[in-house]
Amino acid sequence: MSTQIVTPSRTVDRIGDPVVLFPGTDRYQAARADNTPDHYPAAIVVARTADDIRAGVRAAAELERPLAVRATGHGSVVAADGAVLISTAAMKKIIIDPVRRVARLQPGLRWAEVIAAAEPYGLSPTSGDFPGVGVAGFTTGGGVGWLARRYGYAADNLISATMVLPDGRTVTASADEHPDLFWAVRGGSGNFGLITELEIRLVPVSRVLAGSMVWPIDRAAAVLRWFADHAEEVPDEVTLAPVLRREQSGPVLSVGFVAVGDPERAVVTLNAMRWAGRTGIAGVDGVRSEGRLIPYGRITIPGTRPLGFEMYHELSDQLIDVSVGAIVDGTANALQFHHWGGATARPEADHGPVGHRQIPFSIKIDAEPGVLDHLAWSATGAKFLNFLSDTSQTARAYRVADYYRLRELKRRYDPANVLRVNHNIPPA
């Protein structure tokens, strides 16, 4: 039997028709200020139901304005100036089916709420590293997190998406209904419709081995070289997140880790990495470490908010040396390395357009512009949509053939490009 969990909203009350906020009112200003980036929509529609979203779509058509949508605002990259902005932050219903291992989610939810709802059943979503991220933009943009190497991207675990199209129709896209649209929404972001509900696959994860190891900066290059050479051998159940960062005491290398399944498989990997960081004849590794079995929802390993993001076919010695040097000389605040691989590189045959699955490494970069340029010289130029703030580079998140297929589908479902306040894919 399904269990329904309804989370109350803190947004403005609604009586009858949807609340529509216009410039010049206190409510509009409060709602406008609660979004990033700073923007000035022509109107803000506070949606609580799918009917409210449809009303917002009609309003945009009547006003001949573009449509924008915001749930949590976490992944917003384009200001909705002059657009009709539909806020779905109040749409927070969750339905968990523990027998089928499925969750039905409204678009205003954050992953923390979904994790809490699934946890009593020993299940988890393939959510992001940060539980405050919204479910809709994360999933339709691809979605990579601690469980991705074992279970694939969030987009790979999408079963269906119900959405309002720019022409006002409501459709459900799945493998059996509108399969072309289902393909597009699993990585094509918000270019094709406004999500009213996602149905996602849950995975049998309740507890994980999580923690971190921290080395002094003089051991960082050796540990990163081990990571570069042996990442392909790391079990899919183990995710490592090496971060060069600056602490109050000085620069360090911190390696966060999360493992599902048998903890012993993770221990073998962690011991090998620890051995790589030993020093001198005595074999002293200088590492301080901690790790324990915890509920999946309590992972607190810090990440990096990137100013830049690059993908690499390999982590060369020169790239590692440049990265360590930038932390030492203070031109970089943090550099987070990631090995993708695992299930993300072995998708099912009918997977969506999330691109560049065969590129194994990436770096999130919080550094001065000169460092960004230096680290880009050996990069592939490929991007991952969830980590892309420069919307002029949206095409780089896809394979060429997939991008043109997305443009053809955009012409079919949104020929006027009404949904363009986003990582826009223009109609062909």
Protein backbone atom coordinates (compact mmCIF):
# COMPACT_ATOMS: atom_id res chain seq x y z
CA MET A 1 0.00 0.00 0.00
CA SER A 2 1.28 3.48 -0.83
CA THR A 3 1.96 5.95 1.95
CA GLN A 4 1.19 9.60 1.30
CA ILE A 5 3.11 12.31 3.06
CA VAL A 6 2.08 15.93 2.65
CA THR A 7 4.49 18.67 3.67
CA PRO A 8 2.92 22.06 4.45
CA SER A 9 4.11 25.15 2.61
CA ARG A 10 5.14 28.47 4.06
CA THR A 11 4.26 30.52 0.95
CA VAL A 12 1.28 32.88 0.68
CA ASP A 13 -2.22 31.51 1.16
CA ARG A 14 -4.42 30.80 -1.84
CA ILE A 15 -8.16 31.22 -2.06
CA GLY A 16 -9.80 30.20 -5.33
CA ASP A 17 -7.68 31.10 -8.33
CA PRO A 18 -3.87 31.10 -8.09
CA VAL A 19 -2.21 34.02 -6.40
CA VAL A 20 -0.73 36.33 -9.04
CA LEU A 21 1.70 38.96 -7.81
CA PHE A 22 2.40 42.12 -9.80
CA PRO A 23 5.17 44.76 -9.51
CA GLY A 24 4.52 47.51 -7.00
CA THR A 25 3.18 45.27 -4.22
CA ASP A 26 4.89 44.08 -1.06
CA ARG A 27 4.11 40.45 -1.87
CA TYR A 28 5.71 40.76 -5.30
CA GLN A 29 8.82 42.33 -3.81
CA ALA A 30 9.11 39.60 -1.17
CA ALA A 31 8.67 36.83 -3.74
CA ARG A 32 11.05 38.49 -6.18
CA ALA A 33 13.73 38.92 -3.53
CA ASP A 34 13.43 35.25 -2.58
CA ASN A 35 14.99 34.20 -5.88
CA THR A 36 18.48 34.03 -7.33
CA PRO A 37 19.52 35.64 -9.60
CA ASP A 38 18.01 39.06 -8.91
CA HIS A 39 15.25 39.63 -11.44
CA TYR A 40 12.06 41.55 -12.20
CA PRO A 41 9.34 39.35 -13.71
CA ALA A 42 6.24 40.88 -15.31
CA ALA A 43 4.21 38.76 -12.89
CA ILE A 44 4.75 35.96 -10.38
CA VAL A 45 2.23 33.12 -10.25
CA VAL A 46 2.26 31.29 -6.91
CA ALA A 47 1.24 27.77 -7.92
CA ARG A 48 -0.14 25.16 -5.55
CA THR A 49 -1.70 22.83 -8.12
CA ALA A 50 -1.28 21.76 -11.72
CA ASP A 51 -4.31 23.94 -12.54
CA ASP A 52 -2.42 26.94 -11.19
CA ILE A 53 0.50 26.15 -13.49
CA ARG A 54 -1.87 25.88 -16.45
CA ALA A 55 -3.34 29.27 -15.50
CA GLY A 56 0.16 30.73 -15.49
CA VAL A 57 0.85 29.28 -18.93
CA ARG A 58 -2.36 30.86 -20.25
CA ALA A 59 -1.44 34.18 -18.68
CA ALA A 60 1.96 34.16 -20.38
CA ALA A 61 0.30 33.42 -23.72
CA GLU A 62 -2.21 36.24 -23.29
CA LEU A 63 0.52 38.69 -22.27
CA GLU A 64 2.85 37.38 -25.00
CA ARG A 65 5.58 36.93 -22.42
CA PRO A 66 8.15 34.16 -21.99
CA LEU A 67 7.63 31.61 -19.25
CA ALA A 68 10.01 30.99 -16.37
CA VAL A 69 9.72 28.53 -13.51
CA ARG A 70 11.33 28.49 -10.08
CA ALA A 71 10.99 25.84 -7.42
CA THR A 72 13.85 26.19 -4.94
CA GLY A 73 15.89 28.59 -7.07
CA HIS A 74 19.06 26.59 -6.39
CA GLY A 75 19.90 26.05 -10.06
CA SER A 76 18.61 29.33 -11.46
CA VAL A 77 21.08 30.84 -13.90
CA VAL A 78 19.00 33.33 -15.94
CA ALA A 79 17.07 36.33 -14.65
CA ALA A 80 13.35 36.18 -15.46
CA ASP A 81 13.11 39.87 -16.34
CA GLY A 82 9.83 40.59 -18.12
CA ALA A 83 8.69 36.96 -17.97
CA VAL A 84 5.75 35.35 -16.24
CA LEU A 85 7.48 33.53 -13.40
CA ILE A 86 5.66 30.48 -12.05
CA SER A 87 6.76 29.60 -8.52
CA THR A 88 6.20 25.93 -7.69
CA ALA A 89 7.81 26.18 -4.25
CA ALA A 90 4.46 25.45 -2.56
CA MET A 91 3.94 22.16 -4.42
CA LYS A 92 5.39 19.68 -1.93
CA LYS A 93 3.33 16.50 -1.96
CA ILE A 94 5.20 13.19 -1.71
CA ILE A 95 3.78 9.72 -2.30
CA ILE A 96 6.04 6.79 -1.39
CA ASP A 97 5.27 3.28 -2.65
CA PRO A 98 7.68 1.06 -0.68
CA VAL A 99 6.60 -2.12 -2.47
CA ARG A 100 7.38 -0.82 -5.97
CA ARG A 101 10.26 1.30 -4.62
CA VAL A 102 8.84 4.36 -6.30
CA ALA A 103 8.22 7.96 -5.23
CA ARG A 104 5.89 10.50 -6.82
CA LEU A 105 7.11 14.02 -6.20
CA GLN A 106 5.77 17.50 -6.80
CA PRO A 107 8.30 20.04 -8.12
CA GLY A 108 8.63 22.26 -5.03
CA LEU A 109 10.34 19.56 -2.98
CA ARG A 110 13.94 19.51 -1.88
CA TRP A 111 15.88 16.27 -1.60
CA ALA A 112 16.03 16.47 2.20
CA GLU A 113 12.24 16.11 2.31
CA VAL A 114 12.27 13.12 -0.04
CA ILE A 115 15.09 11.41 1.85
CA ALA A 116 13.19 11.80 5.13
CA ALA A 117 10.03 10.35 3.59
CA ALA A 118 11.80 7.32 2.08
CA GLU A 119 14.08 6.56 5.05
CA PRO A 120 11.52 4.64 7.17
CA TYR A 121 11.26 2.08 4.37
CA GLY A 122 15.02 1.55 4.03
CA LEU A 123 14.99 3.39 0.69
CA SER A 124 16.70 6.47 -0.74
CA PRO A 125 16.47 8.60 -3.87
CA THR A 126 19.50 9.13 -6.12
CA SER A 127 19.76 12.67 -4.82
CA GLY A 128 22.45 15.32 -4.90
CA ASP A 129 25.40 15.85 -2.58
CA PHE A 130 23.55 18.76 -0.95
CA PRO A 131 20.08 17.90 0.44
CA GLY A 132 18.82 21.46 -0.04
CA VAL A 133 18.80 21.09 -3.82
CA GLY A 134 15.39 20.95 -5.51
CA VAL A 135 14.27 17.70 -7.10
CA ALA A 136 12.92 18.97 -10.43
CA GLY A 137 15.82 20.96 -11.87
CA PHE A 138 18.36 18.49 -10.50
CA THR A 139 16.66 15.49 -12.10
CA THR A 140 15.86 17.00 -15.48
CA GLY A 141 19.38 18.44 -15.70
CA GLY A 142 21.00 15.03 -15.18
CA GLY A 143 21.60 14.84 -11.46
CA VAL A 144 24.81 13.43 -9.99
CA GLY A 145 25.29 12.61 -6.31
CA TRP A 146 26.85 10.15 -3.89
CA LEU A 147 24.85 7.19 -5.24
CA ALA A 148 25.37 7.86 -8.96
CA ARG A 149 28.33 5.53 -9.45
CA ARG A 150 26.24 2.64 -8.12
CA TYR A 151 22.77 3.52 -9.43
CA GLY A 152 23.21 6.09 -12.21
CA TYR A 153 22.17 9.69 -12.58
CA ALA A 154 18.89 10.96 -11.16
CA ALA A 155 17.70 11.27 -14.78
CA ASP A 156 18.45 7.57 -15.27
CA ASN A 157 16.09 6.80 -12.38
CA LEU A 158 13.20 8.88 -13.69
CA ILE A 159 10.16 6.71 -14.48
CA SER A 160 7.79 9.41 -15.72
CA ALA A 161 7.32 13.16 -15.79
CA THR A 162 3.95 14.91 -15.87
CA MET A 163 4.17 18.41 -17.28
CA VAL A 164 2.24 21.31 -18.72
CA LEU A 165 3.41 22.06 -22.25
CA PRO A 166 3.73 25.63 -23.54
CA ASP A 167 0.47 25.18 -25.48
CA GLY A 168 -1.38 24.42 -22.22
CA ARG A 169 -1.76 20.66 -22.65
CA THR A 170 -0.89 18.37 -19.75
CA VAL A 171 0.95 15.19 -20.70
CA THR A 172 2.76 12.39 -18.92
CA ALA A 173 6.02 11.36 -20.56
CA SER A 174 7.31 7.85 -19.93
CA ALA A 175 8.74 4.90 -21.80
CA ASP A 176 5.19 4.10 -22.98
CA GLU A 177 3.69 7.58 -23.42
CA HIS A 178 5.35 10.35 -25.42
CA PRO A 179 8.67 8.46 -25.41
CA ASP A 180 10.38 11.21 -27.41
CA LEU A 181 9.52 13.75 -24.73
CA PHE A 182 10.55 11.28 -22.03
CA TRP A 183 13.95 10.99 -23.69
CA ALA A 184 14.31 14.78 -23.82
CA VAL A 185 13.31 15.50 -20.23
CA ARG A 186 15.97 13.13 -18.87
CA GLY A 187 18.73 15.70 -19.28
CA GLY A 188 17.15 18.40 -21.45
CA SER A 189 16.19 20.44 -18.38
CA GLY A 190 13.17 22.75 -18.41
CA ASN A 191 13.03 23.34 -22.15
CA PHE A 192 9.94 21.30 -22.97
CA GLY A 193 7.35 21.77 -20.23
CA LEU A 194 6.63 22.79 -16.65
CA ILE A 195 6.89 19.82 -14.31
CA THR A 196 3.86 19.08 -12.13
CA GLU A 197 5.00 15.64 -10.93
CA LEU A 198 7.99 13.33 -11.21
CA GLU A 199 7.88 9.60 -10.62
CA ILE A 200 11.29 8.29 -9.62
CA ARG A 201 12.88 4.99 -8.74
CA LEU A 202 14.07 4.58 -5.14
CA VAL A 203 17.07 2.42 -4.29
CA PRO A 204 17.61 0.02 -1.34
CA VAL A 205 20.03 2.20 0.60
CA SER A 206 19.44 3.20 4.20
CA ARG A 207 22.92 3.44 5.74
CA VAL A 208 26.26 4.31 4.21
CA LEU A 209 29.87 4.36 5.31
CA ALA A 210 30.83 8.02 5.14
CA GLY A 211 33.70 10.16 6.31
CA SER A 212 36.88 11.87 5.21
CA MET A 213 40.65 11.64 5.26
CA VAL A 214 42.81 14.75 5.42
CA TRP A 215 46.47 14.98 4.41
CA PRO A 216 48.95 17.83 4.79
CA ILE A 217 49.55 19.61 1.51
CA ASP A 218 53.02 18.08 1.00
CA ARG A 219 51.33 14.68 0.51
CA ALA A 220 48.56 15.95 -1.77
CA ALA A 221 50.26 15.30 -5.11
CA ALA A 222 51.10 11.69 -4.22
CA VAL A 223 47.53 10.94 -3.14
CA LEU A 224 46.04 12.61 -6.21
CA ARG A 225 48.37 10.62 -8.47
CA TRP A 226 47.12 7.43 -6.83
CA PHE A 227 43.57 8.63 -7.48
CA ALA A 228 44.38 9.37 -11.13
CA ASP A 229 46.00 5.95 -11.66
CA HIS A 230 43.55 3.76 -9.72
CA ALA A 231 40.14 5.44 -9.94
CA GLU A 232 38.95 2.92 -12.54
CA GLU A 233 39.62 0.11 -10.03
CA VAL A 234 37.48 1.64 -7.29
CA PRO A 235 34.23 -0.35 -6.83
CA ASP A 236 31.05 1.29 -8.10
CA GLU A 237 29.77 1.24 -4.52
CA VAL A 238 32.49 3.68 -3.44
CA THR A 239 32.59 7.39 -4.30
CA LEU A 240 35.69 9.45 -3.51
CA ALA A 241 35.73 13.25 -3.50
CA PRO A 242 39.27 14.67 -3.19
CA VAL A 243 39.26 18.39 -2.43
CA LEU A 244 42.26 20.68 -2.28
CA ARG A 245 41.22 23.44 0.07
CA ARG A 246 42.49 26.04 2.46
CA GLU A 247 41.91 25.59 6.19
CA GLN A 248 42.70 28.13 8.88
CA SER A 249 45.90 26.22 9.58
CA GLY A 250 46.88 26.11 5.91
CA PRO A 251 46.20 24.21 2.69
CA VAL A 252 45.27 20.51 2.85
CA LEU A 253 43.94 17.67 0.73
CA SER A 254 40.65 16.31 2.07
CA VAL A 255 39.13 13.17 0.56
CA GLY A 256 35.47 12.64 1.36
CA PHE A 257 34.10 9.16 0.82
CA VAL A 258 30.70 7.50 0.74
CA ALA A 259 30.21 3.75 0.29
CA VAL A 260 27.08 1.63 -0.01
CA GLY A 261 26.86 -2.12 0.50
CA ASP A 262 29.71 -4.07 2.11
CA PRO A 263 31.92 -1.63 4.09
CA GLU A 264 34.91 -3.95 3.72
CA ARG A 265 35.11 -3.23 -0.02
CA ALA A 266 35.43 0.45 0.79
CA VAL A 267 38.05 -0.17 3.48
CA VAL A 268 40.34 -1.88 0.95
CA THR A 269 40.18 1.20 -1.29
CA LEU A 270 40.65 3.65 1.57
CA ASN A 271 43.65 1.76 2.93
CA ALA A 272 45.28 1.76 -0.51
CA MET A 273 44.78 5.51 -0.82
CA ARG A 274 46.10 6.03 2.69
CA TRP A 275 49.19 3.98 1.86
CA ALA A 276 49.78 6.19 -1.20
CA GLY A 277 50.08 9.19 1.11
CA ARG A 278 52.77 7.72 3.37
CA THR A 279 55.96 9.68 3.93
CA GLY A 280 59.57 8.59 4.14
CA ILE A 281 61.08 5.29 5.18
CA ALA A 282 58.94 5.09 8.29
CA GLY A 283 55.78 5.02 6.18
CA VAL A 284 54.07 7.74 8.20
CA ASP A 285 51.05 8.95 6.27
CA GLY A 286 50.24 12.05 8.34
CA VAL A 287 46.54 11.57 7.68
CA ARG A 288 43.72 12.31 10.05
CA SER A 289 40.64 10.33 9.24
CA GLU A 290 37.13 9.54 10.38
CA GLY A 291 34.38 7.35 9.01
CA ARG A 292 31.26 5.67 10.32
CA LEU A 293 28.03 4.02 9.29
CA ILE A 294 25.29 6.64 9.20
CA PRO A 295 21.84 7.09 7.63
CA TYR A 296 22.14 8.28 4.04
CA GLY A 297 20.34 11.52 4.84
CA ARG A 298 22.96 12.53 7.40
CA ILE A 299 25.93 12.80 5.07
CA THR A 300 27.58 16.14 5.86
CA ILE A 301 30.73 16.01 3.73
CA PRO A 302 31.26 19.57 2.44
CA GLY A 303 31.51 20.20 -1.28
CA THR A 304 32.72 23.08 -3.42
CA ARG A 305 30.60 25.85 -4.91
CA PRO A 306 32.33 26.16 -8.26
CA LEU A 307 33.14 29.27 -10.25
CA GLY A 308 34.34 26.91 -12.96
CA PHE A 309 33.92 23.30 -13.97
CA GLU A 310 36.03 21.24 -16.38
CA MET A 311 36.05 17.61 -17.53
CA TYR A 312 39.21 15.63 -18.35
CA HIS A 313 40.16 12.39 -20.04
CA GLU A 314 43.00 12.08 -17.53
CA LEU A 315 44.48 13.81 -14.50
CA SER A 316 48.02 14.38 -15.71
CA ASP A 317 50.98 15.02 -13.44
CA GLN A 318 51.12 18.58 -14.74
CA LEU A 319 47.44 19.17 -14.02
CA ILE A 320 47.89 17.85 -10.47
CA ASP A 321 50.97 20.01 -9.90
CA VAL A 322 49.19 23.13 -11.17
CA SER A 323 46.22 22.39 -8.91
CA VAL A 324 48.32 21.87 -5.79
CA GLY A 325 50.37 24.97 -6.61
CA ALA A 326 47.26 27.13 -6.90
CA ILE A 327 46.13 26.11 -3.42
CA VAL A 328 49.58 26.67 -1.95
CA ASP A 329 50.01 30.15 -3.44
CA GLY A 330 46.46 31.19 -2.55
CA THR A 331 45.14 31.79 -6.08
CA ALA A 332 42.58 29.01 -5.53
CA ASN A 333 40.26 28.53 -2.57
CA ALA A 334 39.14 25.00 -3.41
CA LEU A 335 39.47 22.42 -6.19
CA GLN A 336 37.22 19.35 -6.00
CA PHE A 337 38.10 16.30 -8.10
CA HIS A 338 35.59 13.68 -9.19
CA HIS A 339 35.75 10.34 -10.95
CA TRP A 340 32.45 9.61 -12.70
CA GLY A 341 32.43 6.09 -14.14
CA GLY A 342 30.44 3.25 -12.62
CA ALA A 343 26.77 3.12 -13.55
CA THR A 344 26.88 6.61 -15.06
CA ALA A 345 29.14 5.25 -17.80
CA ARG A 346 27.02 2.12 -18.36
CA PRO A 347 23.47 3.41 -18.92
CA GLU A 348 20.57 1.47 -20.33
CA ALA A 349 20.22 1.59 -24.11
CA ASP A 350 17.29 4.04 -24.03
CA HIS A 351 18.91 6.58 -21.69
CA GLY A 352 18.31 10.31 -22.05
CA PRO A 353 20.63 12.97 -23.48
CA VAL A 354 22.89 13.50 -20.44
CA GLY A 355 26.20 13.78 -22.24
CA HIS A 356 29.85 12.82 -21.98
CA ARG A 357 29.38 9.66 -19.96
CA GLN A 358 32.75 8.29 -21.10
CA ILE A 359 34.81 11.24 -19.80
CA PRO A 360 36.06 9.95 -16.44
CA PHE A 361 37.29 12.99 -14.48
CA SER A 362 36.18 16.50 -13.58
CA ILE A 363 37.26 19.37 -11.35
CA LYS A 364 35.00 21.93 -9.69
CA ILE A 365 37.03 25.11 -9.43
CA ASP A 366 36.80 27.98 -6.95
CA ALA A 367 39.75 30.10 -8.00
CA GLU A 368 40.95 33.31 -9.61
CA PRO A 369 40.36 33.73 -13.38
CA GLY A 370 43.99 32.98 -14.22
CA VAL A 371 43.74 29.59 -12.53
CA LEU A 372 40.48 28.86 -14.34
CA ASP A 373 42.22 29.53 -17.66
CA HIS A 374 45.25 27.44 -16.70
CA LEU A 375 43.13 24.44 -15.71
CA ALA A 376 41.05 24.71 -18.89
CA TRP A 377 43.94 24.21 -21.30
CA SER A 378 43.97 20.40 -21.00
CA ALA A 379 40.22 20.00 -20.45
CA THR A 380 37.85 18.46 -22.98
CA GLY A 381 35.51 21.45 -23.22
CA ALA A 382 32.59 19.22 -22.23
CA LYS A 383 30.16 20.45 -19.57
CA PHE A 384 27.60 18.97 -17.17
CA LEU A 385 24.36 20.94 -17.15
CA ASN A 386 23.85 21.03 -13.37
CA PHE A 387 27.29 22.62 -12.97
CA LEU A 388 27.00 25.11 -15.86
CA SER A 389 26.35 28.76 -15.06
CA ASP A 390 27.28 30.17 -18.49
CA THR A 391 24.18 29.47 -20.56
CA SER A 392 26.00 30.36 -23.79
CA GLN A 393 27.76 27.00 -23.40
CA THR A 394 24.62 24.88 -23.02
CA ALA A 395 25.33 22.93 -26.21
CA ARG A 396 28.59 21.67 -24.66
CA ALA A 397 26.61 19.61 -22.16
CA TYR A 398 25.50 17.23 -24.93
CA ARG A 399 26.82 15.07 -27.69
CA VAL A 400 26.37 16.80 -31.05
CA ALA A 401 23.76 14.32 -32.33
CA ASP A 402 21.78 14.53 -29.09
CA TYR A 403 21.82 18.33 -29.13
CA TYR A 404 20.35 18.44 -32.63
CA ARG A 405 17.74 15.87 -31.64
CA LEU A 406 16.81 18.08 -28.67
CA ARG A 407 16.46 21.07 -31.00
CA GLU A 408 14.13 19.12 -33.28
CA LEU A 409 11.99 18.14 -30.29
CA LYS A 410 12.01 21.74 -29.09
CA ARG A 411 10.59 22.77 -32.46
CA ARG A 412 7.80 20.22 -31.99
CA TYR A 413 6.86 21.05 -28.41
CA ASP A 414 7.86 24.72 -28.02
CA PRO A 415 8.32 26.24 -31.50
CA ALA A 416 8.05 29.82 -30.19
CA ASN A 417 10.70 29.12 -27.53
CA VAL A 418 8.39 30.34 -24.78
CA LEU A 419 10.46 28.34 -22.26
CA ARG A 420 13.74 30.17 -22.81
CA VAL A 421 14.59 31.55 -19.36
CA ASN A 422 16.86 28.59 -18.67
CA HIS A 423 19.74 26.62 -20.17
CA ASN A 424 18.02 27.27 -23.44
CA ILE A 425 17.91 24.85 -26.34
CA PRO A 426 16.54 26.87 -29.29
CA PRO A 427 14.14 25.25 -31.74
CA ALA A 428 15.72 23.88 -34.91
